[in-house]
Amino acid sequence: MTDNIFEVYKTFATADEAQEYTKVLDKNNIAYFLEKTTPVFDPAFAGNTDNGAVVLKLSATDFVKANKVFDEAQLMDMDAIDKDYYLFSFTDDELMDVIVKKEEWNEFDYVLAQKLLRERGKEVSMDVLTAIRKQREIELSRHLPYPKTWIMTGYAFALLGGLISIMIGLQLLWDKKKLPDGRKMYAYDESARNHGRLLLVIGLIVLIMTIYFNMREEFDNEFIR
């Protein structure tokens, strides 16, 4: 079996999480392909022990079938759920927020939110779910707001030794955020990252000069003695 006919269906942090899905796929005779991604060194996550994600791939023609069997598997667990479960107290708008911000909730809550809305006569169609997912992906792929105050603070501290400006510069330059599909992107746009580069350079120069002059002063004092 080759993976070139398969497309990414879902990304998991660990193999154990992926196995919960593959059990359902095996039971329903849906072919799949598991792939372990290799993490690329990221200075922003120095010391990170992340060994990469596990990607579940399916044939594109099986996506709808897989969604259906996973939803049915979730619904089977919902029949015995305690009515005190917090989602039962959610308003329609709050349940819709769970659906829109799927990445912030677990799969069970996402499916239960749809079920509760359906029972209230407000079923969310597959077309609407697809549109919501695409719009959410667009929103999450946008860069974070331009950190003007943070940048100004970095330049101000650059004159006080450089260390803090170096830290801010590295943060602006390397900070990333993870998208729902597992991809990572730089958190800030190129303009903010250019400020990060400049802060890093200025901070390093000021820090090196500070160390140099301190050592020079100590040397001169020792020489005078």
C-alpha atoms as a PDB file:
ATOM      1  CA  MET A   1       0.000   0.000   0.000  1.00  0.00           C
ATOM      2  CA  THR A   2       1.354   3.428  -0.909  1.00  0.00           C
ATOM      3  CA  ASP A   3       0.357   6.750   0.600  1.00  0.00           C
ATOM      4  CA  ASN A   4       0.372   8.774  -2.605  1.00  0.00           C
ATOM      5  CA  ILE A   5      -3.380   8.238  -3.126  1.00  0.00           C
ATOM      6  CA  PHE A   6      -4.182   9.282   0.426  1.00  0.00           C
ATOM      7  CA  GLU A   7      -4.801  12.748   1.820  1.00  0.00           C
ATOM      8  CA  VAL A   8      -4.411  14.087   5.354  1.00  0.00           C
ATOM      9  CA  TYR A   9      -7.599  13.507   7.356  1.00  0.00           C
ATOM     10  CA  LYS A  10      -6.473  14.295  10.895  1.00  0.00           C
ATOM     11  CA  THR A  11      -3.286  14.961  12.853  1.00  0.00           C
ATOM     12  CA  PHE A  12      -2.592  13.589  16.338  1.00  0.00           C
ATOM     13  CA  ALA A  13      -0.006  14.486  18.944  1.00  0.00           C
ATOM     14  CA  THR A  14       0.638  10.842  19.870  1.00  0.00           C
ATOM     15  CA  ALA A  15       0.264   7.369  18.365  1.00  0.00           C
ATOM     16  CA  ASP A  16      -2.143   6.385  21.167  1.00  0.00           C
ATOM     17  CA  GLU A  17      -4.598   9.084  20.094  1.00  0.00           C
ATOM     18  CA  ALA A  18      -4.363   7.888  16.486  1.00  0.00           C
ATOM     19  CA  GLN A  19      -5.096   4.290  17.494  1.00  0.00           C
ATOM     20  CA  GLU A  20      -8.468   5.286  18.925  1.00  0.00           C
ATOM     21  CA  TYR A  21      -9.424   6.375  15.410  1.00  0.00           C
ATOM     22  CA  THR A  22      -7.845   3.473  13.539  1.00  0.00           C
ATOM     23  CA  LYS A  23      -9.853   0.996  15.647  1.00  0.00           C
ATOM     24  CA  VAL A  24     -13.051   2.528  14.276  1.00  0.00           C
ATOM     25  CA  LEU A  25     -11.638   2.538  10.727  1.00  0.00           C
ATOM     26  CA  ASP A  26     -10.647  -1.130  10.983  1.00  0.00           C
ATOM     27  CA  LYS A  27     -14.089  -2.042  12.266  1.00  0.00           C
ATOM     28  CA  ASN A  28     -15.721  -0.312   9.284  1.00  0.00           C
ATOM     29  CA  ASN A  29     -13.210  -1.590   6.680  1.00  0.00           C
ATOM     30  CA  ILE A  30     -11.956   1.880   5.765  1.00  0.00           C
ATOM     31  CA  ALA A  31      -8.417   1.866   4.379  1.00  0.00           C
ATOM     32  CA  TYR A  32      -5.987   4.305   5.958  1.00  0.00           C
ATOM     33  CA  PHE A  33      -2.325   5.233   6.145  1.00  0.00           C
ATOM     34  CA  LEU A  34      -0.482   6.421   9.273  1.00  0.00           C
ATOM     35  CA  GLU A  35       2.571   8.599   8.900  1.00  0.00           C
ATOM     36  CA  LYS A  36       4.948   9.876  11.587  1.00  0.00           C
ATOM     37  CA  THR A  37       6.178  13.373  10.840  1.00  0.00           C
ATOM     38  CA  THR A  38       9.749  14.360  11.568  1.00  0.00           C
ATOM     39  CA  PRO A  39      10.024  17.614  13.536  1.00  0.00           C
ATOM     40  CA  VAL A  40      12.304  20.317  12.207  1.00  0.00           C
ATOM     41  CA  PHE A  41      14.541  22.066  14.747  1.00  0.00           C
ATOM     42  CA  ASP A  42      12.854  25.235  15.907  1.00  0.00           C
ATOM     43  CA  PRO A  43      14.886  27.740  17.984  1.00  0.00           C
ATOM     44  CA  ALA A  44      11.653  28.969  19.550  1.00  0.00           C
ATOM     45  CA  PHE A  45      11.178  25.582  21.102  1.00  0.00           C
ATOM     46  CA  ALA A  46      14.721  24.833  22.251  1.00  0.00           C
ATOM     47  CA  GLY A  47      14.666  21.863  24.586  1.00  0.00           C
ATOM     48  CA  ASN A  48      11.315  20.748  23.210  1.00  0.00           C
ATOM     49  CA  THR A  49      10.881  16.997  23.484  1.00  0.00           C
ATOM     50  CA  ASP A  50       8.233  16.827  20.762  1.00  0.00           C
ATOM     51  CA  ASN A  51       8.945  13.818  18.578  1.00  0.00           C
ATOM     52  CA  GLY A  52       6.658  14.886  15.776  1.00  0.00           C
ATOM     53  CA  ALA A  53       2.980  14.338  15.046  1.00  0.00           C
ATOM     54  CA  VAL A  54       1.135  11.296  13.734  1.00  0.00           C
ATOM     55  CA  VAL A  55      -0.814  11.971  10.546  1.00  0.00           C
ATOM     56  CA  LEU A  56      -3.837   9.888   9.590  1.00  0.00           C
ATOM     57  CA  LYS A  57      -4.427   9.755   5.836  1.00  0.00           C
ATOM     58  CA  LEU A  58      -7.499   8.466   4.016  1.00  0.00           C
ATOM     59  CA  SER A  59      -8.615   8.277   0.447  1.00  0.00           C
ATOM     60  CA  ALA A  60     -10.496  11.495  -0.331  1.00  0.00           C
ATOM     61  CA  THR A  61     -13.500   9.398  -1.341  1.00  0.00           C
ATOM     62  CA  ASP A  62     -13.675   7.955   2.203  1.00  0.00           C
ATOM     63  CA  PHE A  63     -13.736  11.277   4.068  1.00  0.00           C
ATOM     64  CA  VAL A  64     -17.530  11.512   4.235  1.00  0.00           C
ATOM     65  CA  LYS A  65     -17.870   7.850   5.261  1.00  0.00           C
ATOM     66  CA  ALA A  66     -15.214   8.288   7.958  1.00  0.00           C
ATOM     67  CA  ASN A  67     -16.959  11.383   9.343  1.00  0.00           C
ATOM     68  CA  LYS A  68     -20.185   9.425   9.539  1.00  0.00           C
ATOM     69  CA  VAL A  69     -18.764   6.389  11.356  1.00  0.00           C
ATOM     70  CA  PHE A  70     -16.853   8.563  13.821  1.00  0.00           C
ATOM     71  CA  ASP A  71     -19.983  10.581  14.552  1.00  0.00           C
ATOM     72  CA  GLU A  72     -21.964   7.375  15.075  1.00  0.00           C
ATOM     73  CA  ALA A  73     -19.270   6.053  17.415  1.00  0.00           C
ATOM     74  CA  GLN A  74     -19.465   9.249  19.436  1.00  0.00           C
ATOM     75  CA  LEU A  75     -23.271   9.156  19.502  1.00  0.00           C
ATOM     76  CA  MET A  76     -23.247   5.625  20.931  1.00  0.00           C
ATOM     77  CA  ASP A  77     -21.349   6.978  23.946  1.00  0.00           C
ATOM     78  CA  MET A  78     -23.778   9.881  24.268  1.00  0.00           C
ATOM     79  CA  ASP A  79     -26.800   7.688  24.961  1.00  0.00           C
ATOM     80  CA  ALA A  80     -25.517   7.025  28.472  1.00  0.00           C
ATOM     81  CA  ILE A  81     -24.213  10.499  29.191  1.00  0.00           C
ATOM     82  CA  ASP A  82     -25.263  12.185  32.425  1.00  0.00           C
ATOM     83  CA  LYS A  83     -27.696  15.046  31.856  1.00  0.00           C
ATOM     84  CA  ASP A  84     -25.617  17.117  34.279  1.00  0.00           C
ATOM     85  CA  TYR A  85     -22.874  17.263  31.661  1.00  0.00           C
ATOM     86  CA  TYR A  86     -22.000  20.936  31.212  1.00  0.00           C
ATOM     87  CA  LEU A  87     -22.866  21.131  27.518  1.00  0.00           C
ATOM     88  CA  PHE A  88     -26.558  20.516  28.275  1.00  0.00           C
ATOM     89  CA  SER A  89     -26.714  23.934  29.965  1.00  0.00           C
ATOM     90  CA  PHE A  90     -25.227  25.735  26.951  1.00  0.00           C
ATOM     91  CA  THR A  91     -27.364  28.133  24.939  1.00  0.00           C
ATOM     92  CA  ASP A  92     -27.745  27.669  21.176  1.00  0.00           C
ATOM     93  CA  ASP A  93     -25.150  30.373  20.547  1.00  0.00           C
ATOM     94  CA  GLU A  94     -22.708  28.734  22.955  1.00  0.00           C
ATOM     95  CA  LEU A  95     -23.182  25.352  21.297  1.00  0.00           C
ATOM     96  CA  MET A  96     -22.590  26.970  17.914  1.00  0.00           C
ATOM     97  CA  ASP A  97     -19.384  28.477  19.299  1.00  0.00           C
ATOM     98  CA  VAL A  98     -18.219  24.949  20.182  1.00  0.00           C
ATOM     99  CA  ILE A  99     -18.790  23.926  16.564  1.00  0.00           C
ATOM    100  CA  VAL A 100     -17.079  27.003  15.133  1.00  0.00           C
ATOM    101  CA  LYS A 101     -14.058  26.690  17.435  1.00  0.00           C
ATOM    102  CA  LYS A 102     -13.731  22.929  17.111  1.00  0.00           C
ATOM    103  CA  GLU A 103      -9.960  23.003  17.731  1.00  0.00           C
ATOM    104  CA  GLU A 104     -10.559  24.336  21.269  1.00  0.00           C
ATOM    105  CA  TRP A 105     -12.789  21.398  22.248  1.00  0.00           C
ATOM    106  CA  ASN A 106     -12.542  17.631  22.239  1.00  0.00           C
ATOM    107  CA  GLU A 107     -14.214  15.522  19.545  1.00  0.00           C
ATOM    108  CA  PHE A 108     -16.930  14.347  21.934  1.00  0.00           C
ATOM    109  CA  ASP A 109     -18.065  17.894  22.771  1.00  0.00           C
ATOM    110  CA  TYR A 110     -17.984  18.858  19.092  1.00  0.00           C
ATOM    111  CA  VAL A 111     -20.329  16.018  18.118  1.00  0.00           C
ATOM    112  CA  LEU A 112     -22.534  16.452  21.198  1.00  0.00           C
ATOM    113  CA  ALA A 113     -22.994  20.157  20.403  1.00  0.00           C
ATOM    114  CA  GLN A 114     -24.338  19.191  16.967  1.00  0.00           C
ATOM    115  CA  LYS A 115     -26.636  16.576  18.500  1.00  0.00           C
ATOM    116  CA  LEU A 116     -28.068  19.027  21.042  1.00  0.00           C
ATOM    117  CA  LEU A 117     -28.715  21.652  18.370  1.00  0.00           C
ATOM    118  CA  ARG A 118     -30.370  19.006  16.200  1.00  0.00           C
ATOM    119  CA  GLU A 119     -32.649  18.021  19.097  1.00  0.00           C
ATOM    120  CA  ARG A 120     -33.549  21.707  19.460  1.00  0.00           C
ATOM    121  CA  GLY A 121     -34.574  21.856  15.820  1.00  0.00           C
ATOM    122  CA  LYS A 122     -31.450  23.675  14.652  1.00  0.00           C
ATOM    123  CA  GLU A 123     -29.486  21.041  12.782  1.00  0.00           C
ATOM    124  CA  VAL A 124     -26.222  22.165  11.208  1.00  0.00           C
ATOM    125  CA  SER A 125     -25.863  20.663   7.726  1.00  0.00           C
ATOM    126  CA  MET A 126     -22.654  19.159   6.323  1.00  0.00           C
ATOM    127  CA  ASP A 127     -22.370  22.075   3.873  1.00  0.00           C
ATOM    128  CA  VAL A 128     -22.518  24.560   6.755  1.00  0.00           C
ATOM    129  CA  LEU A 129     -19.940  22.561   8.739  1.00  0.00           C
ATOM    130  CA  THR A 130     -17.613  22.564   5.729  1.00  0.00           C
ATOM    131  CA  ALA A 131     -18.053  26.321   5.279  1.00  0.00           C
ATOM    132  CA  ILE A 132     -17.423  26.917   8.995  1.00  0.00           C
ATOM    133  CA  ARG A 133     -14.250  24.825   8.917  1.00  0.00           C
ATOM    134  CA  LYS A 134     -12.874  26.669   5.886  1.00  0.00           C
ATOM    135  CA  GLN A 135     -13.654  30.074   7.378  1.00  0.00           C
ATOM    136  CA  ARG A 136     -12.073  29.061  10.682  1.00  0.00           C
ATOM    137  CA  GLU A 137      -8.922  27.918   8.893  1.00  0.00           C
ATOM    138  CA  ILE A 138      -8.709  31.316   7.213  1.00  0.00           C
ATOM    139  CA  GLU A 139      -9.100  33.122  10.552  1.00  0.00           C
ATOM    140  CA  LEU A 140      -6.510  31.001  12.349  1.00  0.00           C
ATOM    141  CA  SER A 141      -3.992  31.358   9.521  1.00  0.00           C
ATOM    142  CA  ARG A 142      -3.904  35.128   9.971  1.00  0.00           C
ATOM    143  CA  HIS A 143      -0.905  36.632  11.715  1.00  0.00           C
ATOM    144  CA  LEU A 144      -1.241  37.978  15.248  1.00  0.00           C
ATOM    145  CA  PRO A 145      -1.872  41.740  15.646  1.00  0.00           C
ATOM    146  CA  TYR A 146       1.166  43.950  15.096  1.00  0.00           C
ATOM    147  CA  PRO A 147       2.791  44.219  18.581  1.00  0.00           C
ATOM    148  CA  LYS A 148       3.645  47.931  18.414  1.00  0.00           C
ATOM    149  CA  THR A 149       4.029  48.451  22.194  1.00  0.00           C
ATOM    150  CA  TRP A 150       6.144  45.336  22.507  1.00  0.00           C
ATOM    151  CA  ILE A 151       8.446  46.475  19.680  1.00  0.00           C
ATOM    152  CA  MET A 152       8.863  49.944  21.201  1.00  0.00           C
ATOM    153  CA  THR A 153       9.682  48.333  24.552  1.00  0.00           C
ATOM    154  CA  GLY A 154      12.339  46.232  22.844  1.00  0.00           C
ATOM    155  CA  TYR A 155      14.044  49.297  21.348  1.00  0.00           C
ATOM    156  CA  ALA A 156      13.908  51.099  24.697  1.00  0.00           C
ATOM    157  CA  PHE A 157      15.539  48.190  26.530  1.00  0.00           C
ATOM    158  CA  ALA A 158      18.170  47.855  23.788  1.00  0.00           C
ATOM    159  CA  LEU A 159      19.910  50.847  25.385  1.00  0.00           C
ATOM    160  CA  LEU A 160      19.925  49.227  28.835  1.00  0.00           C
ATOM    161  CA  GLY A 161      22.165  46.282  28.113  1.00  0.00           C
ATOM    162  CA  GLY A 162      20.506  44.531  25.195  1.00  0.00           C
ATOM    163  CA  LEU A 163      19.446  41.272  26.863  1.00  0.00           C
ATOM    164  CA  ILE A 164      15.720  42.015  27.023  1.00  0.00           C
ATOM    165  CA  SER A 165      15.697  43.359  23.452  1.00  0.00           C
ATOM    166  CA  ILE A 166      17.366  40.118  22.341  1.00  0.00           C
ATOM    167  CA  MET A 167      14.617  38.085  24.005  1.00  0.00           C
ATOM    168  CA  ILE A 168      11.879  40.220  22.436  1.00  0.00           C
ATOM    169  CA  GLY A 169      13.614  40.070  19.063  1.00  0.00           C
ATOM    170  CA  LEU A 170      13.816  36.269  19.191  1.00  0.00           C
ATOM    171  CA  GLN A 171      10.160  36.057  20.183  1.00  0.00           C
ATOM    172  CA  LEU A 172       9.049  38.254  17.291  1.00  0.00           C
ATOM    173  CA  LEU A 173      11.292  36.432  14.855  1.00  0.00           C
ATOM    174  CA  TRP A 174      10.679  32.810  15.808  1.00  0.00           C
ATOM    175  CA  ASP A 175       7.345  32.641  17.631  1.00  0.00           C
ATOM    176  CA  LYS A 176       4.965  30.240  15.868  1.00  0.00           C
ATOM    177  CA  LYS A 177       1.422  29.008  16.222  1.00  0.00           C
ATOM    178  CA  LYS A 178      -0.031  25.654  15.309  1.00  0.00           C
ATOM    179  CA  LEU A 179      -2.983  25.365  12.940  1.00  0.00           C
ATOM    180  CA  PRO A 180      -5.758  22.758  13.386  1.00  0.00           C
ATOM    181  CA  ASP A 181      -4.307  20.610  10.592  1.00  0.00           C
ATOM    182  CA  GLY A 182      -0.978  20.369  12.428  1.00  0.00           C
ATOM    183  CA  ARG A 183       0.945  22.882  10.313  1.00  0.00           C
ATOM    184  CA  LYS A 184       2.979  25.610  12.003  1.00  0.00           C
ATOM    185  CA  MET A 185       3.259  29.184  10.813  1.00  0.00           C
ATOM    186  CA  TYR A 186       5.076  32.270  12.045  1.00  0.00           C
ATOM    187  CA  ALA A 187       2.869  34.119  14.510  1.00  0.00           C
ATOM    188  CA  TYR A 188       3.817  37.597  13.260  1.00  0.00           C
ATOM    189  CA  ASP A 189       3.954  39.072   9.760  1.00  0.00           C
ATOM    190  CA  GLU A 190       7.173  39.925   7.936  1.00  0.00           C
ATOM    191  CA  SER A 191       7.114  43.555   9.096  1.00  0.00           C
ATOM    192  CA  ALA A 192       7.066  42.564  12.776  1.00  0.00           C
ATOM    193  CA  ARG A 193       9.682  39.872  12.154  1.00  0.00           C
ATOM    194  CA  ASN A 194      11.963  42.467  10.518  1.00  0.00           C
ATOM    195  CA  HIS A 195      11.761  44.468  13.740  1.00  0.00           C
ATOM    196  CA  GLY A 196      12.651  41.252  15.541  1.00  0.00           C
ATOM    197  CA  ARG A 197      15.773  40.858  13.410  1.00  0.00           C
ATOM    198  CA  LEU A 198      16.782  44.470  14.052  1.00  0.00           C
ATOM    199  CA  LEU A 199      16.170  44.162  17.793  1.00  0.00           C
ATOM    200  CA  LEU A 200      18.253  41.004  17.837  1.00  0.00           C
ATOM    201  CA  VAL A 201      21.171  42.698  16.047  1.00  0.00           C
ATOM    202  CA  ILE A 202      21.010  45.865  18.170  1.00  0.00           C
ATOM    203  CA  GLY A 203      20.669  43.855  21.360  1.00  0.00           C
ATOM    204  CA  LEU A 204      23.665  41.680  20.526  1.00  0.00           C
ATOM    205  CA  ILE A 205      25.810  44.694  19.639  1.00  0.00           C
ATOM    206  CA  VAL A 206      24.863  46.547  22.841  1.00  0.00           C
ATOM    207  CA  LEU A 207      25.377  43.417  24.922  1.00  0.00           C
ATOM    208  CA  ILE A 208      28.808  42.733  23.414  1.00  0.00           C
ATOM    209  CA  MET A 209      29.827  46.372  23.870  1.00  0.00           C
ATOM    210  CA  THR A 210      28.610  46.347  27.470  1.00  0.00           C
ATOM    211  CA  ILE A 211      30.612  43.204  28.243  1.00  0.00           C
ATOM    212  CA  TYR A 212      33.665  44.598  26.451  1.00  0.00           C
ATOM    213  CA  PHE A 213      33.680  47.934  28.305  1.00  0.00           C
ATOM    214  CA  ASN A 214      33.055  46.231  31.658  1.00  0.00           C
ATOM    215  CA  MET A 215      36.013  43.913  31.070  1.00  0.00           C
ATOM    216  CA  ARG A 216      38.090  46.857  29.849  1.00  0.00           C
ATOM    217  CA  GLU A 217      37.273  48.809  32.988  1.00  0.00           C
ATOM    218  CA  GLU A 218      38.168  45.886  35.220  1.00  0.00           C
ATOM    219  CA  PHE A 219      41.432  45.420  33.320  1.00  0.00           C
ATOM    220  CA  ASP A 220      42.297  49.118  33.662  1.00  0.00           C
ATOM    221  CA  ASN A 221      41.533  49.040  37.378  1.00  0.00           C
ATOM    222  CA  GLU A 222      43.724  45.968  37.842  1.00  0.00           C
ATOM    223  CA  PHE A 223      46.511  47.654  35.819  1.00  0.00           C
ATOM    224  CA  ILE A 224      46.363  50.816  37.962  1.00  0.00           C
ATOM    225  CA  ARG A 225      46.663  48.723  41.122  1.00  0.00           C
END
